[in-house]
All heavy atoms as atom14 arrays in JSON, in Angstrom:
{
  "sequence": "TPAMEPLLFDLLGSQFLAHPVPGRYRIRPVEAHALTEGIEAFFLEDEH",
  "atom14_mask": [
    [1, 1, 1, 1, 1, 1, 1, 0, 0, 0, 0, 0, 0, 0],
    [1, 1, 1, 1, 1, 1, 1, 0, 0, 0, 0, 0, 0, 0],
    [1, 1, 1, 1, 1, 0, 0, 0, 0, 0, 0, 0, 0, 0],
    [1, 1, 1, 1, 1, 1, 1, 1, 0, 0, 0, 0, 0, 0],
    [1, 1, 1, 1, 1, 1, 1, 1, 1, 0, 0, 0, 0, 0],
    [1, 1, 1, 1, 1, 1, 1, 0, 0, 0, 0, 0, 0, 0],
    [1, 1, 1, 1, 1, 1, 1, 1, 0, 0, 0, 0, 0, 0],
    [1, 1, 1, 1, 1, 1, 1, 1, 0, 0, 0, 0, 0, 0],
    [1, 1, 1, 1, 1, 1, 1, 1, 1, 1, 1, 0, 0, 0],
    [1, 1, 1, 1, 1, 1, 1, 1, 0, 0, 0, 0, 0, 0],
    [1, 1, 1, 1, 1, 1, 1, 1, 0, 0, 0, 0, 0, 0],
    [1, 1, 1, 1, 1, 1, 1, 1, 0, 0, 0, 0, 0, 0],
    [1, 1, 1, 1, 0, 0, 0, 0, 0, 0, 0, 0, 0, 0],
    [1, 1, 1, 1, 1, 1, 0, 0, 0, 0, 0, 0, 0, 0],
    [1, 1, 1, 1, 1, 1, 1, 1, 1, 0, 0, 0, 0, 0],
    [1, 1, 1, 1, 1, 1, 1, 1, 1, 1, 1, 0, 0, 0],
    [1, 1, 1, 1, 1, 1, 1, 1, 0, 0, 0, 0, 0, 0],
    [1, 1, 1, 1, 1, 0, 0, 0, 0, 0, 0, 0, 0, 0],
    [1, 1, 1, 1, 1, 1, 1, 1, 1, 1, 0, 0, 0, 0],
    [1, 1, 1, 1, 1, 1, 1, 0, 0, 0, 0, 0, 0, 0],
    [1, 1, 1, 1, 1, 1, 1, 0, 0, 0, 0, 0, 0, 0],
    [1, 1, 1, 1, 1, 1, 1, 0, 0, 0, 0, 0, 0, 0],
    [1, 1, 1, 1, 0, 0, 0, 0, 0, 0, 0, 0, 0, 0],
    [1, 1, 1, 1, 1, 1, 1, 1, 1, 1, 1, 0, 0, 0],
    [1, 1, 1, 1, 1, 1, 1, 1, 1, 1, 1, 1, 0, 0],
    [1, 1, 1, 1, 1, 1, 1, 1, 1, 1, 1, 0, 0, 0],
    [1, 1, 1, 1, 1, 1, 1, 1, 0, 0, 0, 0, 0, 0],
    [1, 1, 1, 1, 1, 1, 1, 1, 1, 1, 1, 0, 0, 0],
    [1, 1, 1, 1, 1, 1, 1, 0, 0, 0, 0, 0, 0, 0],
    [1, 1, 1, 1, 1, 1, 1, 0, 0, 0, 0, 0, 0, 0],
    [1, 1, 1, 1, 1, 1, 1, 1, 1, 0, 0, 0, 0, 0],
    [1, 1, 1, 1, 1, 0, 0, 0, 0, 0, 0, 0, 0, 0],
    [1, 1, 1, 1, 1, 1, 1, 1, 1, 1, 0, 0, 0, 0],
    [1, 1, 1, 1, 1, 0, 0, 0, 0, 0, 0, 0, 0, 0],
    [1, 1, 1, 1, 1, 1, 1, 1, 0, 0, 0, 0, 0, 0],
    [1, 1, 1, 1, 1, 1, 1, 0, 0, 0, 0, 0, 0, 0],
    [1, 1, 1, 1, 1, 1, 1, 1, 1, 0, 0, 0, 0, 0],
    [1, 1, 1, 1, 0, 0, 0, 0, 0, 0, 0, 0, 0, 0],
    [1, 1, 1, 1, 1, 1, 1, 1, 0, 0, 0, 0, 0, 0],
    [1, 1, 1, 1, 1, 1, 1, 1, 1, 0, 0, 0, 0, 0],
    [1, 1, 1, 1, 1, 0, 0, 0, 0, 0, 0, 0, 0, 0],
    [1, 1, 1, 1, 1, 1, 1, 1, 1, 1, 1, 0, 0, 0],
    [1, 1, 1, 1, 1, 1, 1, 1, 1, 1, 1, 0, 0, 0],
    [1, 1, 1, 1, 1, 1, 1, 1, 0, 0, 0, 0, 0, 0],
    [1, 1, 1, 1, 1, 1, 1, 1, 1, 0, 0, 0, 0, 0],
    [1, 1, 1, 1, 1, 1, 1, 1, 0, 0, 0, 0, 0, 0],
    [1, 1, 1, 1, 1, 1, 1, 1, 1, 0, 0, 0, 0, 0],
    [1, 1, 1, 1, 1, 1, 1, 1, 1, 1, 0, 0, 0, 0]
  ],
  "atom14_positions": [
    [[-66.98, -21.32, 29.76], [-65.93, -20.29, 29.66], [-65.97, -19.44, 30.92], [-66.5, -18.33, 30.91], [-66.11, -19.43, 28.41], [-67.45, -18.88, 28.39], [-65.89, -20.23, 27.15], [0.0, 0.0, 0.0], [0.0, 0.0, 0.0], [0.0, 0.0, 0.0], [0.0, 0.0, 0.0], [0.0, 0.0, 0.0], [0.0, 0.0, 0.0], [0.0, 0.0, 0.0]],
    [[-65.42, -19.94, 32.03], [-65.44, -19.18, 33.28], [-64.7, -17.86, 33.13], [-63.71, -17.75, 32.4], [-64.73, -20.1, 34.27], [-63.93, -21.05, 33.43], [-64.7, -21.22, 32.16], [0.0, 0.0, 0.0], [0.0, 0.0, 0.0], [0.0, 0.0, 0.0], [0.0, 0.0, 0.0], [0.0, 0.0, 0.0], [0.0, 0.0, 0.0], [0.0, 0.0, 0.0]],
    [[-65.18, -16.85, 33.83], [-64.59, -15.52, 33.72], [-63.15, -15.53, 34.18], [-62.81, -16.11, 35.21], [-65.39, -14.52, 34.55], [0.0, 0.0, 0.0], [0.0, 0.0, 0.0], [0.0, 0.0, 0.0], [0.0, 0.0, 0.0], [0.0, 0.0, 0.0], [0.0, 0.0, 0.0], [0.0, 0.0, 0.0], [0.0, 0.0, 0.0], [0.0, 0.0, 0.0]],
    [[-62.28, -14.9, 33.39], [-60.88, -14.82, 33.78], [-60.71, -13.76, 34.87], [-61.58, -12.91, 35.1], [-59.99, -14.52, 32.57], [-60.21, -13.18, 31.93], [-58.94, -12.74, 30.68], [-58.96, -14.11, 29.55], [0.0, 0.0, 0.0], [0.0, 0.0, 0.0], [0.0, 0.0, 0.0], [0.0, 0.0, 0.0], [0.0, 0.0, 0.0], [0.0, 0.0, 0.0]],
    [[-59.58, -13.83, 35.54], [-59.26, -12.88, 36.6], [-59.32, -11.45, 36.06], [-58.82, -11.17, 34.96], [-57.86, -13.2, 37.12], [-57.47, -12.47, 38.38], [-56.13, -12.93, 38.9], [-55.83, -14.13, 38.79], [-55.4, -12.08, 39.43], [0.0, 0.0, 0.0], [0.0, 0.0, 0.0], [0.0, 0.0, 0.0], [0.0, 0.0, 0.0], [0.0, 0.0, 0.0]],
    [[-59.94, -10.51, 36.8], [-60.09, -9.14, 36.28], [-58.79, -8.49, 35.83], [-58.78, -7.78, 34.82], [-60.72, -8.4, 37.48], [-61.48, -9.45, 38.21], [-60.65, -10.7, 38.08], [0.0, 0.0, 0.0], [0.0, 0.0, 0.0], [0.0, 0.0, 0.0], [0.0, 0.0, 0.0], [0.0, 0.0, 0.0], [0.0, 0.0, 0.0], [0.0, 0.0, 0.0]],
    [[-57.71, -8.71, 36.56], [-56.44, -8.09, 36.17], [-55.97, -8.61, 34.82], [-55.46, -7.85, 33.98], [-55.37, -8.34, 37.23], [-53.98, -7.77, 36.93], [-54.03, -6.25, 36.76], [-52.98, -8.15, 38.03], [0.0, 0.0, 0.0], [0.0, 0.0, 0.0], [0.0, 0.0, 0.0], [0.0, 0.0, 0.0], [0.0, 0.0, 0.0], [0.0, 0.0, 0.0]],
    [[-56.16, -9.92, 34.56], [-55.76, -10.48, 33.28], [-56.65, -9.97, 32.15], [-56.18, -9.66, 31.06], [-55.79, -12.01, 33.34], [-55.34, -12.74, 32.08], [-53.91, -12.37, 31.7], [-55.45, -14.25, 32.26], [0.0, 0.0, 0.0], [0.0, 0.0, 0.0], [0.0, 0.0, 0.0], [0.0, 0.0, 0.0], [0.0, 0.0, 0.0], [0.0, 0.0, 0.0]],
    [[-57.96, -9.87, 32.41], [-58.88, -9.32, 31.41], [-58.5, -7.88, 31.07], [-58.49, -7.48, 29.9], [-60.31, -9.4, 31.92], [-61.33, -8.82, 30.98], [-61.6, -9.43, 29.76], [-62.0, -7.66, 31.29], [-62.54, -8.9, 28.87], [-62.94, -7.11, 30.43], [-63.2, -7.73, 29.22], [0.0, 0.0, 0.0], [0.0, 0.0, 0.0], [0.0, 0.0, 0.0]],
    [[-58.17, -7.1, 32.08], [-57.77, -5.71, 31.85], [-56.47, -5.64, 31.08], [-56.28, -4.75, 30.24], [-57.63, -4.99, 33.19], [-57.26, -3.53, 33.01], [-58.08, -2.75, 32.5], [-56.12, -3.17, 33.36], [0.0, 0.0, 0.0], [0.0, 0.0, 0.0], [0.0, 0.0, 0.0], [0.0, 0.0, 0.0], [0.0, 0.0, 0.0], [0.0, 0.0, 0.0]],
    [[-55.57, -6.59, 31.32], [-54.28, -6.58, 30.63], [-54.43, -7.0, 29.17], [-53.93, -6.33, 28.27], [-53.31, -7.52, 31.36], [-51.91, -7.67, 30.78], [-51.18, -6.33, 30.75], [-51.11, -8.68, 31.59], [0.0, 0.0, 0.0], [0.0, 0.0, 0.0], [0.0, 0.0, 0.0], [0.0, 0.0, 0.0], [0.0, 0.0, 0.0], [0.0, 0.0, 0.0]],
    [[-55.14, -8.11, 28.94], [-55.28, -8.62, 27.57], [-56.3, -7.84, 26.75], [-56.18, -7.74, 25.53], [-55.69, -10.09, 27.61], [-54.6, -11.11, 27.89], [-55.21, -12.51, 27.98], [-53.52, -11.08, 26.82], [0.0, 0.0, 0.0], [0.0, 0.0, 0.0], [0.0, 0.0, 0.0], [0.0, 0.0, 0.0], [0.0, 0.0, 0.0], [0.0, 0.0, 0.0]],
    [[-57.34, -7.35, 27.39], [-58.34, -6.56, 26.69], [-59.49, -7.33, 26.08], [-60.36, -6.75, 25.44], [0.0, 0.0, 0.0], [0.0, 0.0, 0.0], [0.0, 0.0, 0.0], [0.0, 0.0, 0.0], [0.0, 0.0, 0.0], [0.0, 0.0, 0.0], [0.0, 0.0, 0.0], [0.0, 0.0, 0.0], [0.0, 0.0, 0.0], [0.0, 0.0, 0.0]],
    [[-59.53, -8.66, 26.29], [-60.62, -9.46, 25.74], [-60.63, -10.83, 26.41], [-59.63, -11.24, 27.02], [-60.5, -9.62, 24.22], [-59.36, -10.39, 23.88], [0.0, 0.0, 0.0], [0.0, 0.0, 0.0], [0.0, 0.0, 0.0], [0.0, 0.0, 0.0], [0.0, 0.0, 0.0], [0.0, 0.0, 0.0], [0.0, 0.0, 0.0], [0.0, 0.0, 0.0]],
    [[-61.76, -11.53, 26.28], [-61.84, -12.93, 26.66], [-62.68, -13.68, 25.65], [-63.79, -13.26, 25.29], [-62.46, -13.12, 28.05], [-62.56, -14.6, 28.43], [-63.12, -14.87, 29.8], [-63.45, -13.95, 30.55], [-63.25, -16.14, 30.16], [0.0, 0.0, 0.0], [0.0, 0.0, 0.0], [0.0, 0.0, 0.0], [0.0, 0.0, 0.0], [0.0, 0.0, 0.0]],
    [[-62.15, -14.81, 25.18], [-62.88, -15.7, 24.29], [-64.1, -16.26, 25.01], [-64.03, -16.7, 26.16], [-61.97, -16.84, 23.85], [-62.69, -18.0, 23.2], [-63.09, -17.92, 21.88], [-62.98, -19.15, 23.92], [-63.77, -18.97, 21.28], [-63.65, -20.21, 23.33], [-64.05, -20.12, 22.01], [0.0, 0.0, 0.0], [0.0, 0.0, 0.0], [0.0, 0.0, 0.0]],
    [[-65.25, -16.28, 24.29], [-66.48, -16.85, 24.84], [-67.04, -17.99, 23.99], [-67.66, -18.91, 24.53], [-67.55, -15.77, 25.01], [-67.26, -14.69, 26.04], [-68.43, -13.7, 26.1], [-66.98, -15.27, 27.41], [0.0, 0.0, 0.0], [0.0, 0.0, 0.0], [0.0, 0.0, 0.0], [0.0, 0.0, 0.0], [0.0, 0.0, 0.0], [0.0, 0.0, 0.0]],
    [[-66.84, -17.94, 22.68], [-67.43, -18.98, 21.81], [-66.91, -18.81, 20.39], [-66.33, -17.77, 20.04], [-68.95, -18.87, 21.81], [0.0, 0.0, 0.0], [0.0, 0.0, 0.0], [0.0, 0.0, 0.0], [0.0, 0.0, 0.0], [0.0, 0.0, 0.0], [0.0, 0.0, 0.0], [0.0, 0.0, 0.0], [0.0, 0.0, 0.0], [0.0, 0.0, 0.0]],
    [[-67.15, -19.84, 19.59], [-66.98, -19.72, 18.15], [-67.97, -20.66, 17.48], [-68.29, -21.72, 18.01], [-65.54, -20.02, 17.69], [-65.08, -21.43, 17.93], [-65.56, -22.51, 17.2], [-64.19, -21.95, 18.81], [-64.98, -23.61, 17.61], [-64.15, -23.31, 18.6], [0.0, 0.0, 0.0], [0.0, 0.0, 0.0], [0.0, 0.0, 0.0], [0.0, 0.0, 0.0]],
    [[-68.49, -20.26, 16.31], [-69.32, -21.19, 15.55], [-68.45, -22.31, 14.97], [-67.22, -22.29, 15.15], [-69.91, -20.32, 14.44], [-68.9, -19.22, 14.26], [-68.31, -18.98, 15.63], [0.0, 0.0, 0.0], [0.0, 0.0, 0.0], [0.0, 0.0, 0.0], [0.0, 0.0, 0.0], [0.0, 0.0, 0.0], [0.0, 0.0, 0.0], [0.0, 0.0, 0.0]],
    [[-69.06, -23.25, 14.3], [-68.29, -24.29, 13.61], [-67.29, -23.59, 12.68], [-67.66, -22.66, 11.96], [-69.23, -25.21, 12.79], [-68.42, -26.19, 11.96], [-70.17, -25.95, 13.73], [0.0, 0.0, 0.0], [0.0, 0.0, 0.0], [0.0, 0.0, 0.0], [0.0, 0.0, 0.0], [0.0, 0.0, 0.0], [0.0, 0.0, 0.0], [0.0, 0.0, 0.0]],
    [[-66.0, -23.98, 12.71], [-65.02, -23.3, 11.86], [-65.5, -23.22, 10.41], [-65.96, -24.21, 9.83], [-63.77, -24.17, 12.0], [-63.9, -24.77, 13.36], [-65.38, -25.02, 13.54], [0.0, 0.0, 0.0], [0.0, 0.0, 0.0], [0.0, 0.0, 0.0], [0.0, 0.0, 0.0], [0.0, 0.0, 0.0], [0.0, 0.0, 0.0], [0.0, 0.0, 0.0]],
    [[-65.41, -22.02, 9.86], [-65.89, -21.8, 8.49], [-65.43, -20.46, 7.97], [-64.58, -19.79, 8.57], [0.0, 0.0, 0.0], [0.0, 0.0, 0.0], [0.0, 0.0, 0.0], [0.0, 0.0, 0.0], [0.0, 0.0, 0.0], [0.0, 0.0, 0.0], [0.0, 0.0, 0.0], [0.0, 0.0, 0.0], [0.0, 0.0, 0.0], [0.0, 0.0, 0.0]],
    [[-66.02, -20.05, 6.88], [-65.57, -18.85, 6.16], [-66.2, -17.6, 6.77], [-67.42, -17.55, 7.0], [-65.95, -18.97, 4.69], [-65.29, -17.95, 3.76], [-65.51, -18.36, 2.31], [-64.77, -17.55, 1.37], [-65.3, -16.55, 0.66], [-66.6, -16.29, 0.78], [-64.56, -15.85, -0.18], [0.0, 0.0, 0.0], [0.0, 0.0, 0.0], [0.0, 0.0, 0.0]],
    [[-65.38, -16.6, 7.05], [-65.9, -15.31, 7.48], [-64.97, -14.2, 7.01], [-63.89, -14.47, 6.46], [-66.1, -15.27, 9.01], [-64.85, -15.31, 9.85], [-64.31, -14.15, 10.4], [-64.22, -16.52, 10.15], [-63.18, -14.18, 11.2], [-63.08, -16.57, 10.95], [-62.57, -15.39, 11.47], [-61.45, -15.44, 12.26], [0.0, 0.0, 0.0], [0.0, 0.0, 0.0]],
    [[-65.39, -12.97, 7.2], [-64.7, -11.81, 6.64], [-64.14, -10.94, 7.75], [-64.82, -10.66, 8.74], [-65.68, -10.99, 5.78], [-65.11, -9.73, 5.13], [-66.19, -9.11, 4.25], [-65.76, -7.88, 3.59], [-66.0, -6.65, 4.06], [-66.66, -6.5, 5.2], [-65.59, -5.58, 3.39], [0.0, 0.0, 0.0], [0.0, 0.0, 0.0], [0.0, 0.0, 0.0]],
    [[-62.91, -10.5, 7.56], [-62.26, -9.53, 8.44], [-62.01, -8.26, 7.64], [-61.57, -8.33, 6.49], [-60.94, -10.1, 9.0], [-61.23, -11.17, 10.06], [-60.06, -9.0, 9.58], [-59.99, -11.83, 10.62], [0.0, 0.0, 0.0], [0.0, 0.0, 0.0], [0.0, 0.0, 0.0], [0.0, 0.0, 0.0], [0.0, 0.0, 0.0], [0.0, 0.0, 0.0]],
    [[-62.28, -7.12, 8.24], [-62.11, -5.86, 7.52], [-61.33, -4.86, 8.37], [-61.34, -4.92, 9.61], [-63.47, -5.25, 7.17], [-64.31, -4.92, 8.4], [-65.6, -4.2, 8.06], [-66.37, -3.92, 9.25], [-66.16, -2.87, 10.05], [-65.19, -2.02, 9.78], [-66.92, -2.67, 11.12], [0.0, 0.0, 0.0], [0.0, 0.0, 0.0], [0.0, 0.0, 0.0]],
    [[-60.65, -3.91, 7.73], [-59.95, -2.86, 8.47], [-60.93, -1.94, 9.2], [-62.03, -1.66, 8.7], [-59.19, -2.09, 7.39], [-59.16, -3.0, 6.2], [-60.41, -3.81, 6.28], [0.0, 0.0, 0.0], [0.0, 0.0, 0.0], [0.0, 0.0, 0.0], [0.0, 0.0, 0.0], [0.0, 0.0, 0.0], [0.0, 0.0, 0.0], [0.0, 0.0, 0.0]],
    [[-60.53, -1.47, 10.37], [-61.34, -0.54, 11.15], [-60.61, 0.79, 11.31], [-61.18, 1.85, 11.13], [-61.68, -1.13, 12.54], [-62.4, -0.11, 13.41], [-62.51, -2.39, 12.39], [0.0, 0.0, 0.0], [0.0, 0.0, 0.0], [0.0, 0.0, 0.0], [0.0, 0.0, 0.0], [0.0, 0.0, 0.0], [0.0, 0.0, 0.0], [0.0, 0.0, 0.0]],
    [[-59.33, 0.73, 11.66], [-58.53, 1.92, 11.95], [-57.29, 1.93, 11.07], [-56.58, 0.93, 10.97], [-58.13, 1.92, 13.42], [-57.38, 3.15, 13.89], [-58.29, 4.33, 14.21], [-59.5, 4.12, 14.41], [-57.78, 5.46, 14.24], [0.0, 0.0, 0.0], [0.0, 0.0, 0.0], [0.0, 0.0, 0.0], [0.0, 0.0, 0.0], [0.0, 0.0, 0.0]],
    [[-57.03, 3.07, 10.41], [-55.79, 3.2, 9.63], [-54.6, 3.2, 10.58], [-54.6, 3.91, 11.6], [-55.82, 4.49, 8.81], [0.0, 0.0, 0.0], [0.0, 0.0, 0.0], [0.0, 0.0, 0.0], [0.0, 0.0, 0.0], [0.0, 0.0, 0.0], [0.0, 0.0, 0.0], [0.0, 0.0, 0.0], [0.0, 0.0, 0.0], [0.0, 0.0, 0.0]],
    [[-53.6, 2.39, 10.25], [-52.49, 2.22, 11.19], [-51.31, 1.59, 10.46], [-51.49, 0.87, 9.48], [-52.94, 1.3, 12.33], [-52.08, 1.38, 13.54], [-50.89, 0.69, 13.66], [-52.24, 2.07, 14.7], [-50.36, 0.96, 14.84], [-51.14, 1.79, 15.49], [0.0, 0.0, 0.0], [0.0, 0.0, 0.0], [0.0, 0.0, 0.0], [0.0, 0.0, 0.0]],
    [[-50.1, 1.84, 10.94], [-48.91, 1.24, 10.32], [-48.96, -0.28, 10.33], [-48.46, -0.93, 9.42], [-47.66, 1.73, 11.05], [0.0, 0.0, 0.0], [0.0, 0.0, 0.0], [0.0, 0.0, 0.0], [0.0, 0.0, 0.0], [0.0, 0.0, 0.0], [0.0, 0.0, 0.0], [0.0, 0.0, 0.0], [0.0, 0.0, 0.0], [0.0, 0.0, 0.0]],
    [[-49.59, -0.86, 11.35], [-49.66, -2.32, 11.45], [-50.53, -2.95, 10.36], [-50.37, -4.12, 10.04], [-50.19, -2.73, 12.82], [-49.16, -2.74, 13.95], [-49.85, -2.7, 15.31], [-48.26, -3.96, 13.85], [0.0, 0.0, 0.0], [0.0, 0.0, 0.0], [0.0, 0.0, 0.0], [0.0, 0.0, 0.0], [0.0, 0.0, 0.0], [0.0, 0.0, 0.0]],
    [[-51.45, -2.18, 9.81], [-52.37, -2.73, 8.81], [-52.32, -1.96, 7.48], [-53.19, -2.17, 6.63], [-53.81, -2.71, 9.35], [-54.14, -1.39, 9.81], [-53.98, -3.7, 10.49], [0.0, 0.0, 0.0], [0.0, 0.0, 0.0], [0.0, 0.0, 0.0], [0.0, 0.0, 0.0], [0.0, 0.0, 0.0], [0.0, 0.0, 0.0], [0.0, 0.0, 0.0]],
    [[-51.33, -1.13, 7.3], [-51.23, -0.35, 6.07], [-51.21, -1.27, 4.85], [-50.46, -2.24, 4.79], [-49.96, 0.51, 6.09], [-49.82, 1.42, 4.89], [-48.58, 2.29, 4.98], [-47.88, 2.23, 6.0], [-48.33, 3.03, 4.0], [0.0, 0.0, 0.0], [0.0, 0.0, 0.0], [0.0, 0.0, 0.0], [0.0, 0.0, 0.0], [0.0, 0.0, 0.0]],
    [[-52.09, -0.99, 3.9], [-52.15, -1.77, 2.66], [-52.95, -3.05, 2.76], [-53.14, -3.75, 1.76], [0.0, 0.0, 0.0], [0.0, 0.0, 0.0], [0.0, 0.0, 0.0], [0.0, 0.0, 0.0], [0.0, 0.0, 0.0], [0.0, 0.0, 0.0], [0.0, 0.0, 0.0], [0.0, 0.0, 0.0], [0.0, 0.0, 0.0], [0.0, 0.0, 0.0]],
    [[-53.45, -3.39, 3.93], [-54.23, -4.62, 4.1], [-55.72, -4.29, 3.94], [-56.26, -3.43, 4.64], [-53.96, -5.26, 5.48], [-52.52, -5.77, 5.52], [-54.94, -6.4, 5.76], [-52.1, -6.35, 6.85], [0.0, 0.0, 0.0], [0.0, 0.0, 0.0], [0.0, 0.0, 0.0], [0.0, 0.0, 0.0], [0.0, 0.0, 0.0], [0.0, 0.0, 0.0]],
    [[-56.35, -4.97, 3.0], [-57.76, -4.76, 2.73], [-58.58, -5.89, 3.36], [-58.03, -6.84, 3.92], [-57.99, -4.7, 1.21], [-57.21, -3.57, 0.53], [-57.45, -3.54, -0.96], [-58.04, -4.5, -1.5], [-57.01, -2.56, -1.61], [0.0, 0.0, 0.0], [0.0, 0.0, 0.0], [0.0, 0.0, 0.0], [0.0, 0.0, 0.0], [0.0, 0.0, 0.0]],
    [[-59.9, -5.77, 3.27], [-60.77, -6.82, 3.8], [-60.44, -8.15, 3.13], [-60.11, -8.2, 1.94], [-62.23, -6.45, 3.55], [0.0, 0.0, 0.0], [0.0, 0.0, 0.0], [0.0, 0.0, 0.0], [0.0, 0.0, 0.0], [0.0, 0.0, 0.0], [0.0, 0.0, 0.0], [0.0, 0.0, 0.0], [0.0, 0.0, 0.0], [0.0, 0.0, 0.0]],
    [[-60.51, -9.23, 3.91], [-60.21, -10.55, 3.35], [-61.07, -11.6, 4.03], [-61.58, -11.42, 5.14], [-58.72, -10.88, 3.5], [-58.22, -10.97, 4.92], [-58.18, -12.19, 5.59], [-57.76, -9.83, 5.58], [-57.7, -12.28, 6.9], [-57.28, -9.91, 6.88], [-57.25, -11.14, 7.53], [0.0, 0.0, 0.0], [0.0, 0.0, 0.0], [0.0, 0.0, 0.0]],
    [[-61.26, -12.72, 3.32], [-61.99, -13.87, 3.85], [-61.0, -14.93, 4.31], [-59.91, -15.07, 3.77], [-62.92, -14.45, 2.79], [-64.15, -13.62, 2.53], [-64.14, -12.65, 1.53], [-65.3, -13.8, 3.27], [-65.27, -11.88, 1.28], [-66.43, -13.04, 3.03], [-66.42, -12.08, 2.03], [0.0, 0.0, 0.0], [0.0, 0.0, 0.0], [0.0, 0.0, 0.0]],
    [[-61.4, -15.68, 5.31], [-60.59, -16.78, 5.81], [-61.5, -17.87, 6.34], [-62.68, -17.64, 6.6], [-59.65, -16.3, 6.92], [-60.26, -15.85, 8.25], [-59.18, -15.82, 9.33], [-60.9, -14.47, 8.14], [0.0, 0.0, 0.0], [0.0, 0.0, 0.0], [0.0, 0.0, 0.0], [0.0, 0.0, 0.0], [0.0, 0.0, 0.0], [0.0, 0.0, 0.0]],
    [[-60.96, -19.07, 6.46], [-61.66, -20.18, 7.11], [-60.92, -20.51, 8.38], [-59.78, -20.98, 8.34], [-61.75, -21.39, 6.18], [-62.65, -21.16, 4.98], [-62.98, -22.44, 4.23], [-62.64, -23.52, 4.74], [-63.59, -22.34, 3.16], [0.0, 0.0, 0.0], [0.0, 0.0, 0.0], [0.0, 0.0, 0.0], [0.0, 0.0, 0.0], [0.0, 0.0, 0.0]],
    [[-61.56, -20.26, 9.5], [-60.88, -20.35, 10.79], [-61.95, -20.42, 11.87], [-63.15, -20.35, 11.57], [-60.0, -19.11, 11.0], [-58.82, -19.35, 11.93], [-59.06, -19.77, 13.09], [-57.66, -19.13, 11.53], [0.0, 0.0, 0.0], [0.0, 0.0, 0.0], [0.0, 0.0, 0.0], [0.0, 0.0, 0.0], [0.0, 0.0, 0.0], [0.0, 0.0, 0.0]],
    [[-61.51, -20.57, 13.12], [-62.43, -20.39, 14.23], [-62.73, -18.9, 14.36], [-61.82, -18.09, 14.53], [-61.81, -20.9, 15.53], [-61.72, -22.41, 15.63], [-61.13, -22.89, 16.92], [-60.48, -22.09, 17.63], [-61.29, -24.08, 17.23], [0.0, 0.0, 0.0], [0.0, 0.0, 0.0], [0.0, 0.0, 0.0], [0.0, 0.0, 0.0], [0.0, 0.0, 0.0]],
    [[-64.01, -18.56, 14.26], [-64.42, -17.16, 14.33], [-64.59, -16.8, 15.8], [-65.61, -17.09, 16.4], [-65.72, -16.97, 13.55], [-66.12, -15.55, 13.37], [-67.2, -15.19, 12.6], [-65.6, -14.39, 13.84], [-67.33, -13.88, 12.62], [-66.36, -13.37, 13.36], [0.0, 0.0, 0.0], [0.0, 0.0, 0.0], [0.0, 0.0, 0.0], [0.0, 0.0, 0.0]]
  ]
}
């Protein structure tokens, strides 16, 4: 996973580095916001 160009990293705000074997994991709310209003923690099977 070669480092992306600094300007692109600054624009996107993240870079993928790895994922375990696709499987079940949990996502939870961190910040109250209109985009996530009413959404509670949930499990999914995906690339983490």
